[in-house]
Protein backbone atom coordinates (compact mmCIF):
# COMPACT_ATOMS: atom_id res chain seq x y z
CA MET A 1 125.79 96.32 76.54
CA ILE A 2 126.42 94.84 80.32
CA LYS A 3 123.60 92.93 79.43
CA HIS A 4 125.25 90.32 76.92
CA THR A 5 128.80 90.01 78.40
CA THR A 6 129.73 86.72 79.53
CA LYS A 7 131.25 86.13 83.07
CA SER A 8 134.77 85.59 81.40
CA GLN A 9 133.95 88.98 80.07
CA ARG A 10 133.33 90.81 83.02
CA LEU A 11 136.85 89.33 84.66
CA GLY A 12 138.25 90.57 82.11
CA TRP A 13 137.04 93.67 82.29
CA ILE A 14 137.83 94.43 86.42
CA LEU A 15 140.99 93.04 85.58
CA PHE A 16 141.89 94.92 82.92
CA LEU A 17 140.89 97.68 84.39
CA VAL A 18 142.82 96.66 87.47
CA TYR A 19 146.42 96.41 85.22
CA LEU A 20 145.59 100.02 83.01
CA GLY A 21 145.85 101.41 86.70
CA LEU A 22 148.51 99.47 87.59
CA LEU A 23 150.53 100.68 84.43
CA ILE A 24 149.01 104.05 85.13
CA TYR A 25 151.28 104.14 88.39
CA LEU A 26 154.50 102.33 87.11
CA MET A 27 154.65 104.38 84.21
CA PHE A 28 153.62 108.01 86.04
CA PHE A 29 154.28 107.90 89.53
CA ALA A 30 156.63 105.25 90.65
CA GLU A 31 159.57 106.94 92.53
CA SER A 32 161.12 103.28 92.30
CA LEU A 33 161.17 103.05 88.60
CA GLY A 34 162.74 106.64 88.50
CA ARG A 35 159.91 108.73 88.21
CA ASP A 36 160.87 111.33 90.10
CA PRO A 37 158.27 114.90 90.11
CA ALA A 38 161.70 116.83 90.94
CA ARG A 39 163.37 115.57 87.58
CA ARG A 40 161.74 117.35 84.77
CA GLU A 41 163.19 117.26 81.58
CA TYR A 42 162.58 116.07 78.32
CA ALA A 43 164.15 112.41 77.58
CA TYR A 44 163.91 110.28 74.33
CA ASN A 45 165.53 107.97 72.07
CA LEU A 46 164.64 107.43 68.46
CA GLU A 47 167.13 105.21 67.80
CA LEU A 48 165.79 101.23 67.51
CA PHE A 49 167.86 99.38 69.75
CA LYS A 50 170.66 102.35 71.42
CA GLU A 51 169.07 101.80 75.01
CA ILE A 52 168.47 97.61 74.23
CA ARG A 53 172.53 97.94 73.47
CA ARG A 54 173.69 100.70 76.17
CA PHE A 55 171.41 98.59 79.25
CA TYR A 56 173.41 95.30 77.73
CA ARG A 57 177.22 96.87 77.31
CA TYR A 58 176.76 98.66 80.65
CA ARG A 59 174.81 95.68 83.00
CA HIS A 60 177.66 95.55 85.18
CA GLN A 61 178.09 98.93 86.01
CA LEU A 62 174.34 99.47 86.17
CA GLY A 63 173.72 96.24 87.23
CA MET A 64 171.76 92.92 86.20
CA GLU A 65 168.53 93.74 87.82
CA ALA A 66 168.09 97.61 85.75
CA PHE A 67 168.75 95.58 82.35
CA LEU A 68 166.00 92.87 82.78
CA LEU A 69 163.64 95.37 84.07
CA ASN A 70 164.12 97.50 81.28
CA VAL A 71 164.16 95.32 78.56
CA PHE A 72 161.58 91.67 80.08
CA GLY A 73 159.60 94.54 82.50
CA ASN A 74 158.57 96.49 79.15
CA VAL A 75 157.73 92.48 77.30
CA ILE A 76 156.43 91.42 80.11
CA GLY A 77 154.18 94.81 81.24
CA PHE A 78 152.22 95.07 78.02
CA MET A 79 151.41 90.80 78.14
CA PRO A 80 148.03 91.46 80.36
CA CYS A 81 147.22 94.39 77.50
CA GLY A 82 147.63 91.80 74.69
CA PHE A 83 145.80 89.03 76.94
CA PHE A 84 142.61 90.95 77.43
CA LEU A 85 141.82 92.53 74.37
CA PRO A 86 140.70 89.48 72.77
CA VAL A 87 138.67 88.53 76.17
CA ILE A 88 136.66 91.91 76.76
CA SER A 89 136.09 91.89 73.16
CA ARG A 90 134.45 88.65 73.18
CA GLY A 91 137.43 86.80 71.01
CA LYS A 92 136.58 88.78 68.09
CA MET A 93 139.80 90.76 67.96
CA ARG A 94 142.37 89.16 66.20
CA CYS A 95 146.07 89.14 65.94
CA ARG A 96 146.63 92.02 63.89
CA SER A 97 144.18 93.97 65.42
CA THR A 98 145.25 93.41 69.13
CA ILE A 99 149.09 93.89 68.18
CA LEU A 100 148.43 97.51 66.65
CA LEU A 101 146.33 98.97 69.96
CA CYS A 102 149.27 97.81 72.12
CA PHE A 103 151.23 99.42 70.13
CA GLY A 104 148.97 102.55 70.00
CA PHE A 105 148.38 102.35 73.75
CA SER A 106 152.15 102.10 74.13
CA LEU A 107 152.73 104.87 72.07
CA CYS A 108 149.96 107.14 73.56
CA ILE A 109 151.81 106.00 77.15
CA GLU A 110 155.25 107.17 75.68
CA THR A 111 154.06 110.27 74.04
CA ALA A 112 152.40 111.17 77.80
CA GLN A 113 155.91 110.33 79.27
CA LEU A 114 157.48 113.14 76.78
CA ILE A 115 155.06 115.70 77.38
CA LEU A 116 154.29 115.34 81.05
CA ARG A 117 158.38 115.12 81.33
CA VAL A 118 158.04 111.73 82.96
CA GLY A 119 159.88 109.34 82.41
CA SER A 120 161.19 109.41 78.61
CA PHE A 121 160.03 108.66 74.89
CA ASP A 122 161.70 105.59 73.40
CA VAL A 123 161.19 103.78 70.48
CA ASP A 124 162.67 100.68 72.23
CA ASP A 125 160.09 100.48 74.57
CA LEU A 126 157.67 100.77 71.64
CA LEU A 127 159.13 97.82 70.17
CA LEU A 128 158.94 95.92 73.27
CA ASN A 129 155.84 96.77 74.71
CA THR A 130 154.36 96.07 71.14
CA LEU A 131 156.49 92.13 71.59
CA GLY A 132 154.82 92.13 74.96
CA GLY A 133 151.38 92.41 73.36
CA ALA A 134 151.53 89.70 70.61
CA LEU A 135 153.11 87.37 73.04
CA GLY A 136 149.81 88.38 75.44
CA TYR A 137 147.59 87.65 72.34
CA LEU A 138 149.35 84.09 71.80
CA ALA A 139 148.73 83.25 75.77
CA TYR A 140 145.35 84.26 75.21
CA ARG A 141 145.07 82.08 72.22
CA LEU A 142 146.79 79.37 73.76
CA VAL A 143 144.99 79.37 76.78
CA ASP A 144 141.52 79.49 74.52
CA TRP A 145 142.34 76.38 72.58
CA TRP A 146 143.02 74.67 75.94
CA TYR A 147 139.60 75.73 77.36
CA ARG A 148 138.00 74.54 74.22
CA ARG A 149 139.83 71.29 73.84
CA ARG A 150 139.11 70.64 77.94
CA SER A 151 135.30 71.76 77.60
CA GLY A 152 135.25 69.44 74.06
CA ARG A 153 133.77 72.53 72.03
CA ALA A 154 135.35 72.61 68.33
CA GLU A 155 138.03 75.05 67.51
CA LYS A 156 136.08 77.60 65.36
CA SER A 157 139.12 79.72 64.06
């Protein structure tokens, strides 16, 4: 299997694994993001847009940084997932598959946070993470298109 990988795939795998390590650290161990080992309680939100509205409504008390980190951090945090999945799959992964895998990965992380009592299970995070995966896939398609155009190869899809 390794014999048939391209340089960009190998680089994609390395970057994807580094990304996963960083993501796992941020989601489960970063005390600066509220991952306090002393605070071990179940926390969850099953109402769509509840936390987004709360962060927006109280952005002056919480600080704009907290609002931006909650909303845009979740989107940006999953963009590499949507970008690297097609890279490591040799470009064969389609949009729907990438988005479903990003959603599934996000669901696994949110469920693990609930079970381990680190962070919280939040459907808003599922939505924002999945959106980030979709935007990452879009970025992959744009880079792929630009690369094909630049190298003079016709686009297959």
